[in-house]
Amino acid sequence: MSTLGWLLMVTGAALLAVAALGLLRLPDALSRQHAATKAATLALGFMLAGLAVLQPSAAWWIRIGALVVLLALTVPVASHALARAAAAADQADA
């Protein structure tokens, strides 16, 4: 179980590294935001799943489950709000 937990956590860290690379390489704000949001949500999910595997107590599983649900609900909404603001700023400049 320990190996699986660490494998999930390392996978999450690798996905965060790919997201950081996307932030540096992609051309515009919306593309960078897309890369960061998708990868961060998945990466944090992997990392929290790895932590859940490493922590056998039910209290930790409940906390981690609540965090996963919170991330799954808030990150896409925040990303959408930022994308709308970026699009509105581009239209205002044109």
C-alpha atoms as a PDB file:
ATOM      1  CA  MET A   1       0.000   0.000   0.000  1.00  0.00           C
ATOM      2  CA  SER A   2       2.834   2.363   0.784  1.00  0.00           C
ATOM      3  CA  THR A   3       4.261   2.006  -2.717  1.00  0.00           C
ATOM      4  CA  LEU A   4       0.885   2.738  -4.303  1.00  0.00           C
ATOM      5  CA  GLY A   5       0.434   5.825  -2.141  1.00  0.00           C
ATOM      6  CA  TRP A   6       3.832   7.209  -3.049  1.00  0.00           C
ATOM      7  CA  LEU A   7       3.305   6.355  -6.717  1.00  0.00           C
ATOM      8  CA  LEU A   8       0.062   8.348  -6.726  1.00  0.00           C
ATOM      9  CA  MET A   9       1.753  11.280  -5.011  1.00  0.00           C
ATOM     10  CA  VAL A  10       4.687  11.284  -7.433  1.00  0.00           C
ATOM     11  CA  THR A  11       2.259  11.096 -10.366  1.00  0.00           C
ATOM     12  CA  GLY A  12       0.466  14.143  -8.983  1.00  0.00           C
ATOM     13  CA  ALA A  13       3.747  16.011  -8.615  1.00  0.00           C
ATOM     14  CA  ALA A  14       4.703  15.132 -12.199  1.00  0.00           C
ATOM     15  CA  LEU A  15       1.358  16.440 -13.444  1.00  0.00           C
ATOM     16  CA  LEU A  16       1.945  19.694 -11.571  1.00  0.00           C
ATOM     17  CA  ALA A  17       5.350  19.961 -13.262  1.00  0.00           C
ATOM     18  CA  VAL A  18       3.694  19.493 -16.665  1.00  0.00           C
ATOM     19  CA  ALA A  19       1.165  22.197 -15.752  1.00  0.00           C
ATOM     20  CA  ALA A  20       4.005  24.557 -14.847  1.00  0.00           C
ATOM     21  CA  LEU A  21       5.642  23.839 -18.190  1.00  0.00           C
ATOM     22  CA  GLY A  22       2.341  24.600 -19.907  1.00  0.00           C
ATOM     23  CA  LEU A  23       2.166  27.931 -18.103  1.00  0.00           C
ATOM     24  CA  LEU A  24       5.557  28.834 -19.518  1.00  0.00           C
ATOM     25  CA  ARG A  25       5.068  27.525 -23.060  1.00  0.00           C
ATOM     26  CA  LEU A  26       1.483  28.275 -24.079  1.00  0.00           C
ATOM     27  CA  PRO A  27       0.837  31.517 -25.953  1.00  0.00           C
ATOM     28  CA  ASP A  28      -2.221  33.189 -24.441  1.00  0.00           C
ATOM     29  CA  ALA A  29      -3.963  33.551 -21.093  1.00  0.00           C
ATOM     30  CA  LEU A  30      -6.834  31.177 -21.846  1.00  0.00           C
ATOM     31  CA  SER A  31      -4.546  28.379 -23.025  1.00  0.00           C
ATOM     32  CA  ARG A  32      -2.304  28.770 -19.987  1.00  0.00           C
ATOM     33  CA  GLN A  33      -5.319  28.790 -17.705  1.00  0.00           C
ATOM     34  CA  HIS A  34      -6.707  25.641 -19.330  1.00  0.00           C
ATOM     35  CA  ALA A  35      -3.434  23.775 -18.831  1.00  0.00           C
ATOM     36  CA  ALA A  36      -3.089  24.893 -15.236  1.00  0.00           C
ATOM     37  CA  THR A  37      -6.682  24.176 -14.241  1.00  0.00           C
ATOM     38  CA  LYS A  38      -6.998  20.722 -15.768  1.00  0.00           C
ATOM     39  CA  ALA A  39      -3.621  19.523 -14.586  1.00  0.00           C
ATOM     40  CA  ALA A  40      -3.913  21.039 -11.122  1.00  0.00           C
ATOM     41  CA  THR A  41      -7.296  19.464 -10.471  1.00  0.00           C
ATOM     42  CA  LEU A  42      -6.104  16.046 -11.595  1.00  0.00           C
ATOM     43  CA  ALA A  43      -2.712  16.380  -9.897  1.00  0.00           C
ATOM     44  CA  LEU A  44      -4.183  17.389  -6.563  1.00  0.00           C
ATOM     45  CA  GLY A  45      -6.665  14.534  -6.871  1.00  0.00           C
ATOM     46  CA  PHE A  46      -3.805  12.091  -7.386  1.00  0.00           C
ATOM     47  CA  MET A  47      -1.835  13.546  -4.495  1.00  0.00           C
ATOM     48  CA  LEU A  48      -4.807  13.431  -2.145  1.00  0.00           C
ATOM     49  CA  ALA A  49      -5.582   9.866  -3.244  1.00  0.00           C
ATOM     50  CA  GLY A  50      -1.985   8.941  -2.451  1.00  0.00           C
ATOM     51  CA  LEU A  51      -2.309  10.526   0.963  1.00  0.00           C
ATOM     52  CA  ALA A  52      -5.537   8.610   1.544  1.00  0.00           C
ATOM     53  CA  VAL A  53      -3.780   5.346   0.729  1.00  0.00           C
ATOM     54  CA  LEU A  54      -0.941   6.203   3.117  1.00  0.00           C
ATOM     55  CA  GLN A  55      -3.285   7.187   5.975  1.00  0.00           C
ATOM     56  CA  PRO A  56      -5.451   4.226   6.991  1.00  0.00           C
ATOM     57  CA  SER A  57      -7.714   6.019   9.492  1.00  0.00           C
ATOM     58  CA  ALA A  58     -11.300   6.872   8.592  1.00  0.00           C
ATOM     59  CA  ALA A  59     -10.902  10.440   9.855  1.00  0.00           C
ATOM     60  CA  TRP A  60      -8.238  11.102   7.235  1.00  0.00           C
ATOM     61  CA  TRP A  61     -10.359   9.522   4.501  1.00  0.00           C
ATOM     62  CA  ILE A  62     -13.270  11.828   5.376  1.00  0.00           C
ATOM     63  CA  ARG A  63     -11.041  14.919   5.342  1.00  0.00           C
ATOM     64  CA  ILE A  64      -9.431  13.951   2.058  1.00  0.00           C
ATOM     65  CA  GLY A  65     -12.790  13.128   0.492  1.00  0.00           C
ATOM     66  CA  ALA A  66     -14.108  16.535   1.538  1.00  0.00           C
ATOM     67  CA  LEU A  67     -11.058  18.210  -0.004  1.00  0.00           C
ATOM     68  CA  VAL A  68     -11.481  16.319  -3.273  1.00  0.00           C
ATOM     69  CA  VAL A  69     -15.146  17.320  -3.483  1.00  0.00           C
ATOM     70  CA  LEU A  70     -14.282  20.929  -2.640  1.00  0.00           C
ATOM     71  CA  LEU A  71     -11.589  21.030  -5.325  1.00  0.00           C
ATOM     72  CA  ALA A  72     -13.830  19.384  -7.909  1.00  0.00           C
ATOM     73  CA  LEU A  73     -16.522  21.986  -7.277  1.00  0.00           C
ATOM     74  CA  THR A  74     -14.498  25.178  -6.889  1.00  0.00           C
ATOM     75  CA  VAL A  75     -11.567  24.948  -9.299  1.00  0.00           C
ATOM     76  CA  PRO A  76     -13.664  24.750 -12.504  1.00  0.00           C
ATOM     77  CA  VAL A  77     -15.935  27.568 -11.319  1.00  0.00           C
ATOM     78  CA  ALA A  78     -12.978  29.807 -10.480  1.00  0.00           C
ATOM     79  CA  SER A  79     -11.363  28.973 -13.812  1.00  0.00           C
ATOM     80  CA  HIS A  80     -14.544  29.861 -15.667  1.00  0.00           C
ATOM     81  CA  ALA A  81     -14.820  33.180 -13.839  1.00  0.00           C
ATOM     82  CA  LEU A  82     -11.206  34.032 -14.673  1.00  0.00           C
ATOM     83  CA  ALA A  83     -11.716  33.071 -18.319  1.00  0.00           C
ATOM     84  CA  ARG A  84     -14.767  35.326 -18.564  1.00  0.00           C
ATOM     85  CA  ALA A  85     -12.804  38.192 -17.030  1.00  0.00           C
ATOM     86  CA  ALA A  86      -9.909  37.642 -19.449  1.00  0.00           C
ATOM     87  CA  ALA A  87     -12.288  37.518 -22.415  1.00  0.00           C
ATOM     88  CA  ALA A  88     -14.055  40.677 -21.249  1.00  0.00           C
ATOM     89  CA  ALA A  89     -10.717  42.464 -20.850  1.00  0.00           C
ATOM     90  CA  ASP A  90      -9.712  41.470 -24.390  1.00  0.00           C
ATOM     91  CA  GLN A  91     -13.021  42.772 -25.761  1.00  0.00           C
ATOM     92  CA  ALA A  92     -12.645  46.029 -23.853  1.00  0.00           C
ATOM     93  CA  ASP A  93      -9.184  46.570 -25.346  1.00  0.00           C
ATOM     94  CA  ALA A  94     -10.348  45.925 -28.922  1.00  0.00           C
END
